[in-house]
Amino acid sequence: MYIKVTVLAGNKKEYIKKKTDTSFEIVVKAEALQNMANKSVTQKLSDFFNIPISKIRLINGHHSPKKMFNIDNELEY
């Protein structure tokens, strides 16, 4: 599943706001330096979807607040 994420980095509070089924706004404390905000967002998505970080991949927007993630939430048997 592909999701669009708008990231606001360097804030005092952290939260995830679901806008639509495939669109989120994520606010993190980490600064947008040296990939720290991207790692924090990936961790937040992992907690939100209750899946391992290895199932989440940043597809587009590495240096932008508008990002595209691939969430692999398929069940494995």
N, C-alpha and C. Protein backbone atom coordinates (compact mmCIF):
# COMPACT_ATOMS: atom_id res chain seq x y z
N MET A 1 0.85 -1.17 0.00
CA MET A 1 0.00 0.00 0.00
C MET A 1 0.90 1.24 0.00
N TYR A 2 0.58 2.20 -0.84
CA TYR A 2 1.31 3.45 -0.89
C TYR A 2 0.55 4.51 -0.10
N ILE A 3 1.29 5.29 0.69
CA ILE A 3 0.67 6.38 1.43
C ILE A 3 1.46 7.67 1.20
N LYS A 4 0.74 8.77 1.25
CA LYS A 4 1.35 10.10 1.15
C LYS A 4 1.45 10.67 2.55
N VAL A 5 2.60 11.25 2.87
CA VAL A 5 2.84 11.78 4.21
C VAL A 5 3.38 13.20 4.09
N THR A 6 2.79 14.11 4.84
CA THR A 6 3.33 15.45 5.00
C THR A 6 4.00 15.49 6.37
N VAL A 7 5.29 15.83 6.38
CA VAL A 7 6.07 15.81 7.61
C VAL A 7 6.38 17.22 8.07
N LEU A 8 6.15 17.46 9.36
CA LEU A 8 6.55 18.71 9.99
C LEU A 8 7.59 18.33 11.04
N ALA A 9 8.85 18.71 10.79
CA ALA A 9 9.97 18.31 11.65
C ALA A 9 10.35 19.44 12.60
N GLY A 10 10.98 19.07 13.71
CA GLY A 10 11.50 20.04 14.65
C GLY A 10 10.46 20.69 15.54
N ASN A 11 9.40 19.97 15.87
CA ASN A 11 8.36 20.51 16.74
C ASN A 11 8.50 20.00 18.16
N LYS A 12 7.78 20.60 19.09
CA LYS A 12 7.86 20.19 20.49
C LYS A 12 7.02 18.96 20.77
N LYS A 13 5.93 18.78 20.02
CA LYS A 13 5.05 17.64 20.22
C LYS A 13 5.12 16.74 19.00
N GLU A 14 4.77 15.48 19.19
CA GLU A 14 4.73 14.52 18.10
C GLU A 14 3.33 13.94 17.99
N TYR A 15 2.85 13.78 16.76
CA TYR A 15 1.55 13.13 16.55
C TYR A 15 1.41 12.70 15.10
N ILE A 16 0.43 11.82 14.88
CA ILE A 16 0.04 11.39 13.54
C ILE A 16 -1.41 11.77 13.35
N LYS A 17 -1.70 12.42 12.25
CA LYS A 17 -3.07 12.80 11.91
C LYS A 17 -3.43 12.14 10.58
N LYS A 18 -4.43 11.28 10.61
CA LYS A 18 -4.87 10.59 9.40
C LYS A 18 -5.85 11.49 8.67
N LYS A 19 -5.49 11.91 7.47
CA LYS A 19 -6.36 12.78 6.67
C LYS A 19 -7.34 11.96 5.84
N THR A 20 -6.82 10.96 5.13
CA THR A 20 -7.64 10.02 4.37
C THR A 20 -7.05 8.63 4.61
N ASP A 21 -7.56 7.63 3.90
CA ASP A 21 -7.04 6.27 4.05
C ASP A 21 -5.58 6.17 3.63
N THR A 22 -5.14 7.02 2.72
CA THR A 22 -3.77 6.94 2.21
C THR A 22 -3.00 8.24 2.37
N SER A 23 -3.44 9.13 3.23
CA SER A 23 -2.79 10.41 3.43
C SER A 23 -2.69 10.73 4.93
N PHE A 24 -1.49 11.10 5.36
CA PHE A 24 -1.23 11.36 6.77
C PHE A 24 -0.44 12.65 6.93
N GLU A 25 -0.59 13.27 8.10
CA GLU A 25 0.27 14.36 8.52
C GLU A 25 0.98 13.87 9.77
N ILE A 26 2.31 13.92 9.76
CA ILE A 26 3.09 13.43 10.89
C ILE A 26 3.99 14.55 11.38
N VAL A 27 3.91 14.83 12.67
CA VAL A 27 4.74 15.86 13.31
C VAL A 27 5.72 15.15 14.22
N VAL A 28 7.01 15.47 14.07
CA VAL A 28 8.06 14.82 14.86
C VAL A 28 8.97 15.86 15.51
N LYS A 29 9.61 15.47 16.59
CA LYS A 29 10.56 16.34 17.29
C LYS A 29 11.89 16.41 16.56
N ALA A 30 12.27 15.36 15.88
CA ALA A 30 13.57 15.28 15.22
C ALA A 30 13.70 16.36 14.14
N GLU A 31 14.90 16.90 14.03
CA GLU A 31 15.19 17.90 13.01
C GLU A 31 15.35 17.22 11.65
N ALA A 32 15.16 17.97 10.60
CA ALA A 32 15.30 17.46 9.24
C ALA A 32 16.77 17.53 8.81
N LEU A 33 17.63 16.95 9.62
CA LEU A 33 19.07 16.91 9.34
C LEU A 33 19.56 15.47 9.42
N GLN A 34 20.44 15.10 8.51
CA GLN A 34 21.08 13.79 8.51
C GLN A 34 20.09 12.64 8.62
N ASN A 35 18.96 12.77 7.96
CA ASN A 35 17.95 11.71 7.88
C ASN A 35 17.26 11.41 9.21
N MET A 36 17.43 12.26 10.22
CA MET A 36 16.83 11.99 11.54
C MET A 36 15.30 12.05 11.49
N ALA A 37 14.74 13.02 10.78
CA ALA A 37 13.28 13.14 10.70
C ALA A 37 12.69 11.95 9.94
N ASN A 38 13.34 11.53 8.86
CA ASN A 38 12.84 10.38 8.10
C ASN A 38 12.82 9.12 8.96
N LYS A 39 13.86 8.92 9.77
CA LYS A 39 13.90 7.75 10.65
C LYS A 39 12.80 7.83 11.70
N SER A 40 12.56 9.02 12.22
CA SER A 40 11.52 9.20 13.23
C SER A 40 10.13 8.95 12.62
N VAL A 41 9.91 9.42 11.41
CA VAL A 41 8.63 9.20 10.72
C VAL A 41 8.43 7.72 10.45
N THR A 42 9.48 7.04 10.02
CA THR A 42 9.39 5.60 9.76
C THR A 42 9.02 4.85 11.05
N GLN A 43 9.60 5.26 12.16
CA GLN A 43 9.28 4.63 13.45
C GLN A 43 7.82 4.89 13.83
N LYS A 44 7.35 6.10 13.61
CA LYS A 44 5.95 6.44 13.91
C LYS A 44 4.99 5.60 13.06
N LEU A 45 5.31 5.44 11.78
CA LEU A 45 4.47 4.62 10.90
C LEU A 45 4.49 3.16 11.34
N SER A 46 5.64 2.69 11.78
CA SER A 46 5.76 1.32 12.27
C SER A 46 4.85 1.11 13.48
N ASP A 47 4.85 2.05 14.39
CA ASP A 47 3.99 1.96 15.57
C ASP A 47 2.52 2.07 15.19
N PHE A 48 2.20 2.97 14.27
CA PHE A 48 0.81 3.20 13.88
C PHE A 48 0.20 1.95 13.22
N PHE A 49 0.95 1.35 12.28
CA PHE A 49 0.44 0.17 11.55
C PHE A 49 0.76 -1.14 12.26
N ASN A 50 1.52 -1.06 13.37
CA ASN A 50 1.89 -2.24 14.14
C ASN A 50 2.61 -3.28 13.28
N ILE A 51 3.61 -2.81 12.54
CA ILE A 51 4.42 -3.67 11.69
C ILE A 51 5.89 -3.33 11.92
N PRO A 52 6.81 -4.23 11.56
CA PRO A 52 8.23 -3.92 11.72
C PRO A 52 8.69 -2.81 10.77
N ILE A 53 9.72 -2.10 11.18
CA ILE A 53 10.27 -1.02 10.35
C ILE A 53 10.72 -1.54 9.00
N SER A 54 11.16 -2.78 8.94
CA SER A 54 11.64 -3.36 7.68
C SER A 54 10.54 -3.46 6.62
N LYS A 55 9.28 -3.35 7.02
CA LYS A 55 8.16 -3.41 6.07
C LYS A 55 7.77 -2.04 5.53
N ILE A 56 8.51 -0.99 5.93
CA ILE A 56 8.21 0.38 5.51
C ILE A 56 9.37 0.91 4.69
N ARG A 57 9.06 1.45 3.51
CA ARG A 57 10.10 1.97 2.64
C ARG A 57 9.74 3.35 2.13
N LEU A 58 10.68 4.28 2.26
CA LEU A 58 10.50 5.63 1.74
C LEU A 58 10.76 5.59 0.24
N ILE A 59 9.75 5.91 -0.55
CA ILE A 59 9.84 5.82 -2.00
C ILE A 59 10.28 7.14 -2.62
N ASN A 60 9.68 8.23 -2.15
CA ASN A 60 9.90 9.53 -2.78
C ASN A 60 9.87 10.62 -1.71
N GLY A 61 10.64 11.68 -1.90
CA GLY A 61 10.59 12.81 -0.99
C GLY A 61 11.62 12.77 0.11
N HIS A 62 12.80 12.21 -0.16
CA HIS A 62 13.84 12.09 0.87
C HIS A 62 14.23 13.45 1.45
N HIS A 63 14.20 14.50 0.65
CA HIS A 63 14.62 15.83 1.10
C HIS A 63 13.46 16.82 1.09
N SER A 64 12.25 16.31 1.15
CA SER A 64 11.06 17.15 1.05
C SER A 64 10.10 16.83 2.19
N PRO A 65 9.27 17.79 2.59
CA PRO A 65 8.25 17.47 3.60
C PRO A 65 7.11 16.61 3.05
N LYS A 66 6.96 16.56 1.74
CA LYS A 66 5.95 15.70 1.11
C LYS A 66 6.62 14.40 0.71
N LYS A 67 6.18 13.29 1.29
CA LYS A 67 6.83 12.00 1.08
C LYS A 67 5.84 10.94 0.64
N MET A 68 6.38 9.91 0.00
CA MET A 68 5.60 8.74 -0.40
C MET A 68 6.27 7.52 0.22
N PHE A 69 5.47 6.74 0.96
CA PHE A 69 5.97 5.52 1.60
C PHE A 69 5.24 4.31 1.03
N ASN A 70 5.95 3.20 0.98
CA ASN A 70 5.34 1.91 0.66
C ASN A 70 5.25 1.13 1.96
N ILE A 71 4.04 0.74 2.32
CA ILE A 71 3.79 -0.05 3.53
C ILE A 71 3.46 -1.46 3.11
N ASP A 72 4.31 -2.41 3.46
CA ASP A 72 4.08 -3.81 3.12
C ASP A 72 3.39 -4.47 4.31
N ASN A 73 2.06 -4.41 4.34
CA ASN A 73 1.32 -4.97 5.46
C ASN A 73 0.60 -6.26 5.09
N GLU A 74 1.14 -6.97 4.08
CA GLU A 74 0.56 -8.25 3.68
C GLU A 74 0.89 -9.31 4.74
N LEU A 75 -0.04 -10.17 5.01
CA LEU A 75 0.18 -11.25 5.97
C LEU A 75 1.05 -12.32 5.34
N GLU A 76 2.03 -12.81 6.10
CA GLU A 76 2.89 -13.88 5.63
C GLU A 76 2.55 -15.16 6.38
N TYR A 77 2.47 -16.22 5.64
CA TYR A 77 2.14 -17.52 6.25
C TYR A 77 3.32 -18.44 6.19
